[in-house]
Amino acid sequence: MIFRRLHLIAATVLALAGTVSHAHNFHMGIADISYNQSTGNTEIVHTYTGHDLAALLANLYGQQFDLGRPDSEPPLRRYVEKQFTLSDADDKRLPLQWVGAKVDADSVLVFQEIKGVKLKKGSRIHNALLVDFLPSQRNTVNVETDGTVKTLFFDQDSIDQIAP
């Protein structure tokens, strides 16, 4: 009886472990770009899966990262600033300012802004975050121009798009 119960428990644990190992086959991120009328700034908020970013940074730098520690923010910042850019219609890079990052158990939120500028239609959005590391990465960007919000999708085949 005890052996049968242990066997059942072991089978259940193995079944659940198999489920967990396949639970994260889809990789996605989301960013919201909006204009804050009270500050006059364009604000960008990125949300990505924490363990995807930690794995990427470990791969890039050859060491483990605890994204909740302050010393992990500089490499995260370098990566985000390289892989996410905004340019105006004349292809002049817009000056994105790093505001900071917030980490919880599952996700990382990254905050950026462009001071005193409202993103306009025709601006170019470059979003290659994690697509260089995870082939199935798909990034969604909700972008506000002229008071309307449009959604754009970025992946390995489409890392540059024009704001509608």
C-alpha atoms as a PDB file:
ATOM      1  CA  MET A   1       0.000   0.000   0.000  1.00  0.00           C
ATOM      2  CA  ILE A   2       2.773   2.453   0.930  1.00  0.00           C
ATOM      3  CA  PHE A   3       4.752   1.473  -2.180  1.00  0.00           C
ATOM      4  CA  ARG A   4       1.681   2.049  -4.351  1.00  0.00           C
ATOM      5  CA  ARG A   5       1.099   5.476  -2.779  1.00  0.00           C
ATOM      6  CA  LEU A   6       4.772   6.467  -3.250  1.00  0.00           C
ATOM      7  CA  HIS A   7       4.601   5.278  -6.850  1.00  0.00           C
ATOM      8  CA  LEU A   8       1.498   7.411  -7.442  1.00  0.00           C
ATOM      9  CA  ILE A   9       3.151  10.465  -5.853  1.00  0.00           C
ATOM     10  CA  ALA A  10       6.312   9.965  -7.936  1.00  0.00           C
ATOM     11  CA  ALA A  11       4.267   9.614 -11.133  1.00  0.00           C
ATOM     12  CA  THR A  12       2.330  12.793 -10.311  1.00  0.00           C
ATOM     13  CA  VAL A  13       5.522  14.761  -9.613  1.00  0.00           C
ATOM     14  CA  LEU A  14       7.089  13.599 -12.891  1.00  0.00           C
ATOM     15  CA  ALA A  15       3.949  14.461 -14.846  1.00  0.00           C
ATOM     16  CA  LEU A  16       3.827  17.939 -13.342  1.00  0.00           C
ATOM     17  CA  ALA A  17       7.552  18.485 -13.924  1.00  0.00           C
ATOM     18  CA  GLY A  18       7.065  17.659 -17.596  1.00  0.00           C
ATOM     19  CA  THR A  19       4.226  20.154 -17.805  1.00  0.00           C
ATOM     20  CA  VAL A  20       6.264  22.908 -16.171  1.00  0.00           C
ATOM     21  CA  SER A  21       9.259  22.379 -18.446  1.00  0.00           C
ATOM     22  CA  HIS A  22       7.053  22.949 -21.499  1.00  0.00           C
ATOM     23  CA  ALA A  23       4.988  25.767 -20.027  1.00  0.00           C
ATOM     24  CA  HIS A  24       7.061  28.619 -21.436  1.00  0.00           C
ATOM     25  CA  ASN A  25       7.414  27.956 -25.154  1.00  0.00           C
ATOM     26  CA  PHE A  26       6.035  31.314 -26.248  1.00  0.00           C
ATOM     27  CA  HIS A  27       8.202  34.354 -25.624  1.00  0.00           C
ATOM     28  CA  MET A  28       6.621  37.778 -25.666  1.00  0.00           C
ATOM     29  CA  GLY A  29       7.094  41.300 -24.479  1.00  0.00           C
ATOM     30  CA  ILE A  30       4.940  44.374 -24.514  1.00  0.00           C
ATOM     31  CA  ALA A  31       5.679  48.063 -24.599  1.00  0.00           C
ATOM     32  CA  ASP A  32       3.346  51.020 -24.263  1.00  0.00           C
ATOM     33  CA  ILE A  33       4.358  54.339 -25.788  1.00  0.00           C
ATOM     34  CA  SER A  34       2.173  57.267 -24.771  1.00  0.00           C
ATOM     35  CA  TYR A  35       2.283  61.017 -24.351  1.00  0.00           C
ATOM     36  CA  ASN A  36       1.884  62.467 -20.860  1.00  0.00           C
ATOM     37  CA  GLN A  37       0.220  65.872 -21.259  1.00  0.00           C
ATOM     38  CA  SER A  38       1.022  66.966 -17.719  1.00  0.00           C
ATOM     39  CA  THR A  39       4.794  66.492 -18.166  1.00  0.00           C
ATOM     40  CA  GLY A  40       5.049  67.022 -21.920  1.00  0.00           C
ATOM     41  CA  ASN A  41       7.051  63.800 -22.195  1.00  0.00           C
ATOM     42  CA  THR A  42       6.603  60.665 -24.255  1.00  0.00           C
ATOM     43  CA  GLU A  43       6.716  57.708 -21.862  1.00  0.00           C
ATOM     44  CA  ILE A  44       7.698  54.152 -22.721  1.00  0.00           C
ATOM     45  CA  VAL A  45       6.952  51.220 -20.417  1.00  0.00           C
ATOM     46  CA  HIS A  46       8.334  47.796 -21.408  1.00  0.00           C
ATOM     47  CA  THR A  47       7.250  44.544 -19.766  1.00  0.00           C
ATOM     48  CA  TYR A  48       9.264  41.363 -20.288  1.00  0.00           C
ATOM     49  CA  THR A  49       9.543  37.967 -18.630  1.00  0.00           C
ATOM     50  CA  GLY A  50      12.197  38.146 -15.940  1.00  0.00           C
ATOM     51  CA  HIS A  51      13.819  34.785 -16.535  1.00  0.00           C
ATOM     52  CA  ASP A  52      14.098  35.465 -20.294  1.00  0.00           C
ATOM     53  CA  LEU A  53      16.011  38.683 -19.596  1.00  0.00           C
ATOM     54  CA  ALA A  54      18.157  37.023 -16.919  1.00  0.00           C
ATOM     55  CA  ALA A  55      19.037  34.180 -19.314  1.00  0.00           C
ATOM     56  CA  LEU A  56      19.883  36.670 -22.065  1.00  0.00           C
ATOM     57  CA  LEU A  57      22.174  38.702 -19.798  1.00  0.00           C
ATOM     58  CA  ALA A  58      23.854  35.521 -18.525  1.00  0.00           C
ATOM     59  CA  ASN A  59      24.459  34.510 -22.139  1.00  0.00           C
ATOM     60  CA  LEU A  60      25.839  37.953 -23.067  1.00  0.00           C
ATOM     61  CA  TYR A  61      28.066  38.456 -20.043  1.00  0.00           C
ATOM     62  CA  GLY A  62      28.923  34.896 -18.993  1.00  0.00           C
ATOM     63  CA  GLN A  63      27.616  35.247 -15.445  1.00  0.00           C
ATOM     64  CA  GLN A  64      24.323  34.870 -13.611  1.00  0.00           C
ATOM     65  CA  PHE A  65      22.205  37.952 -12.933  1.00  0.00           C
ATOM     66  CA  ASP A  66      19.700  38.603 -10.179  1.00  0.00           C
ATOM     67  CA  LEU A  67      17.603  41.305 -11.808  1.00  0.00           C
ATOM     68  CA  GLY A  68      16.355  42.439  -8.410  1.00  0.00           C
ATOM     69  CA  ARG A  69      19.854  43.612  -7.463  1.00  0.00           C
ATOM     70  CA  PRO A  70      20.951  47.171  -8.307  1.00  0.00           C
ATOM     71  CA  ASP A  71      24.177  45.942  -9.968  1.00  0.00           C
ATOM     72  CA  SER A  72      22.086  44.162 -12.626  1.00  0.00           C
ATOM     73  CA  GLU A  73      20.517  47.381 -13.885  1.00  0.00           C
ATOM     74  CA  PRO A  74      23.539  48.752 -15.846  1.00  0.00           C
ATOM     75  CA  PRO A  75      23.867  45.681 -18.128  1.00  0.00           C
ATOM     76  CA  LEU A  76      20.084  45.584 -18.562  1.00  0.00           C
ATOM     77  CA  ARG A  77      20.126  49.268 -19.458  1.00  0.00           C
ATOM     78  CA  ARG A  78      22.933  48.812 -22.019  1.00  0.00           C
ATOM     79  CA  TYR A  79      21.017  46.006 -23.671  1.00  0.00           C
ATOM     80  CA  VAL A  80      17.661  47.819 -23.771  1.00  0.00           C
ATOM     81  CA  GLU A  81      19.218  51.047 -25.076  1.00  0.00           C
ATOM     82  CA  LYS A  82      20.927  49.107 -27.872  1.00  0.00           C
ATOM     83  CA  GLN A  83      17.890  47.060 -28.891  1.00  0.00           C
ATOM     84  CA  PHE A  84      15.070  49.613 -28.544  1.00  0.00           C
ATOM     85  CA  THR A  85      15.317  52.976 -30.284  1.00  0.00           C
ATOM     86  CA  LEU A  86      12.998  55.639 -31.626  1.00  0.00           C
ATOM     87  CA  SER A  87      13.774  57.949 -34.537  1.00  0.00           C
ATOM     88  CA  ASP A  88      11.859  60.817 -36.084  1.00  0.00           C
ATOM     89  CA  ALA A  89      10.552  60.825 -39.660  1.00  0.00           C
ATOM     90  CA  ASP A  90      13.966  62.106 -40.856  1.00  0.00           C
ATOM     91  CA  ASP A  91      15.624  59.086 -39.181  1.00  0.00           C
ATOM     92  CA  LYS A  92      17.205  61.259 -36.477  1.00  0.00           C
ATOM     93  CA  ARG A  93      17.486  59.262 -33.263  1.00  0.00           C
ATOM     94  CA  LEU A  94      15.255  60.568 -30.471  1.00  0.00           C
ATOM     95  CA  PRO A  95      16.947  60.982 -27.060  1.00  0.00           C
ATOM     96  CA  LEU A  96      15.454  58.221 -24.918  1.00  0.00           C
ATOM     97  CA  GLN A  97      16.159  58.749 -21.228  1.00  0.00           C
ATOM     98  CA  TRP A  98      16.435  55.795 -18.852  1.00  0.00           C
ATOM     99  CA  VAL A  99      14.027  56.279 -15.945  1.00  0.00           C
ATOM    100  CA  GLY A 100      14.559  52.918 -14.259  1.00  0.00           C
ATOM    101  CA  ALA A 101      13.437  49.335 -13.902  1.00  0.00           C
ATOM    102  CA  LYS A 102      11.107  47.494 -11.565  1.00  0.00           C
ATOM    103  CA  VAL A 103      11.424  43.757 -11.006  1.00  0.00           C
ATOM    104  CA  ASP A 104       8.891  41.374  -9.507  1.00  0.00           C
ATOM    105  CA  ALA A 105       8.800  37.579  -9.296  1.00  0.00           C
ATOM    106  CA  ASP A 106       7.814  37.076 -12.940  1.00  0.00           C
ATOM    107  CA  SER A 107       8.473  40.215 -14.920  1.00  0.00           C
ATOM    108  CA  VAL A 108      10.711  43.199 -15.472  1.00  0.00           C
ATOM    109  CA  LEU A 109       9.274  46.618 -16.210  1.00  0.00           C
ATOM    110  CA  VAL A 110      11.600  49.125 -17.865  1.00  0.00           C
ATOM    111  CA  PHE A 111      10.734  52.822 -17.910  1.00  0.00           C
ATOM    112  CA  GLN A 112      12.053  55.279 -20.493  1.00  0.00           C
ATOM    113  CA  GLU A 113      10.969  58.718 -21.662  1.00  0.00           C
ATOM    114  CA  ILE A 114      11.651  61.416 -24.205  1.00  0.00           C
ATOM    115  CA  LYS A 115      11.544  64.769 -22.477  1.00  0.00           C
ATOM    116  CA  GLY A 116       9.445  67.486 -24.079  1.00  0.00           C
ATOM    117  CA  VAL A 117       8.664  65.523 -27.236  1.00  0.00           C
ATOM    118  CA  LYS A 118       5.448  63.968 -28.472  1.00  0.00           C
ATOM    119  CA  LEU A 119       5.999  60.956 -30.721  1.00  0.00           C
ATOM    120  CA  LYS A 120       4.574  61.684 -34.152  1.00  0.00           C
ATOM    121  CA  LYS A 121       3.188  59.568 -36.948  1.00  0.00           C
ATOM    122  CA  GLY A 122       6.001  58.499 -39.224  1.00  0.00           C
ATOM    123  CA  SER A 123       8.484  57.995 -36.394  1.00  0.00           C
ATOM    124  CA  ARG A 124      10.534  54.814 -36.673  1.00  0.00           C
ATOM    125  CA  ILE A 125      10.387  52.254 -33.876  1.00  0.00           C
ATOM    126  CA  HIS A 126      13.230  49.736 -33.623  1.00  0.00           C
ATOM    127  CA  ASN A 127      12.395  46.906 -31.228  1.00  0.00           C
ATOM    128  CA  ALA A 128      14.814  43.974 -31.281  1.00  0.00           C
ATOM    129  CA  LEU A 129      14.512  43.187 -27.567  1.00  0.00           C
ATOM    130  CA  LEU A 130      15.141  39.468 -27.028  1.00  0.00           C
ATOM    131  CA  VAL A 131      14.629  38.583 -30.722  1.00  0.00           C
ATOM    132  CA  ASP A 132      18.400  38.209 -31.050  1.00  0.00           C
ATOM    133  CA  PHE A 133      18.342  35.582 -28.293  1.00  0.00           C
ATOM    134  CA  LEU A 134      14.971  33.830 -28.560  1.00  0.00           C
ATOM    135  CA  PRO A 135      13.864  32.921 -32.105  1.00  0.00           C
ATOM    136  CA  SER A 136      10.194  32.770 -31.067  1.00  0.00           C
ATOM    137  CA  GLN A 137      10.222  36.177 -29.319  1.00  0.00           C
ATOM    138  CA  ARG A 138       7.313  38.393 -30.353  1.00  0.00           C
ATOM    139  CA  ASN A 139       7.070  41.950 -29.074  1.00  0.00           C
ATOM    140  CA  THR A 140       3.879  43.980 -29.049  1.00  0.00           C
ATOM    141  CA  VAL A 141       4.073  47.761 -28.998  1.00  0.00           C
ATOM    142  CA  ASN A 142       1.015  49.885 -28.290  1.00  0.00           C
ATOM    143  CA  VAL A 143       1.873  53.313 -29.621  1.00  0.00           C
ATOM    144  CA  GLU A 144      -0.100  56.513 -29.182  1.00  0.00           C
ATOM    145  CA  THR A 145       0.190  59.191 -31.851  1.00  0.00           C
ATOM    146  CA  ASP A 146      -2.335  61.981 -32.256  1.00  0.00           C
ATOM    147  CA  GLY A 147      -4.447  60.607 -29.400  1.00  0.00           C
ATOM    148  CA  THR A 148      -5.097  57.209 -30.974  1.00  0.00           C
ATOM    149  CA  VAL A 149      -3.450  53.951 -29.936  1.00  0.00           C
ATOM    150  CA  LYS A 150      -2.293  51.466 -32.562  1.00  0.00           C
ATOM    151  CA  THR A 151      -0.676  48.097 -31.987  1.00  0.00           C
ATOM    152  CA  LEU A 152       2.447  46.951 -33.806  1.00  0.00           C
ATOM    153  CA  PHE A 153       4.086  43.514 -33.699  1.00  0.00           C
ATOM    154  CA  PHE A 154       7.834  42.920 -33.832  1.00  0.00           C
ATOM    155  CA  ASP A 155       9.730  39.664 -34.357  1.00  0.00           C
ATOM    156  CA  GLN A 156      12.908  38.468 -36.092  1.00  0.00           C
ATOM    157  CA  ASP A 157      11.473  39.359 -39.493  1.00  0.00           C
ATOM    158  CA  SER A 158      10.184  42.759 -38.443  1.00  0.00           C
ATOM    159  CA  ILE A 159      12.277  44.796 -35.982  1.00  0.00           C
ATOM    160  CA  ASP A 160      11.739  48.224 -37.583  1.00  0.00           C
ATOM    161  CA  GLN A 161       8.321  49.770 -38.095  1.00  0.00           C
ATOM    162  CA  ILE A 162       6.808  53.175 -38.656  1.00  0.00           C
ATOM    163  CA  ALA A 163       4.454  54.632 -36.043  1.00  0.00           C
ATOM    164  CA  PRO A 164       0.970  54.873 -37.567  1.00  0.00           C
END
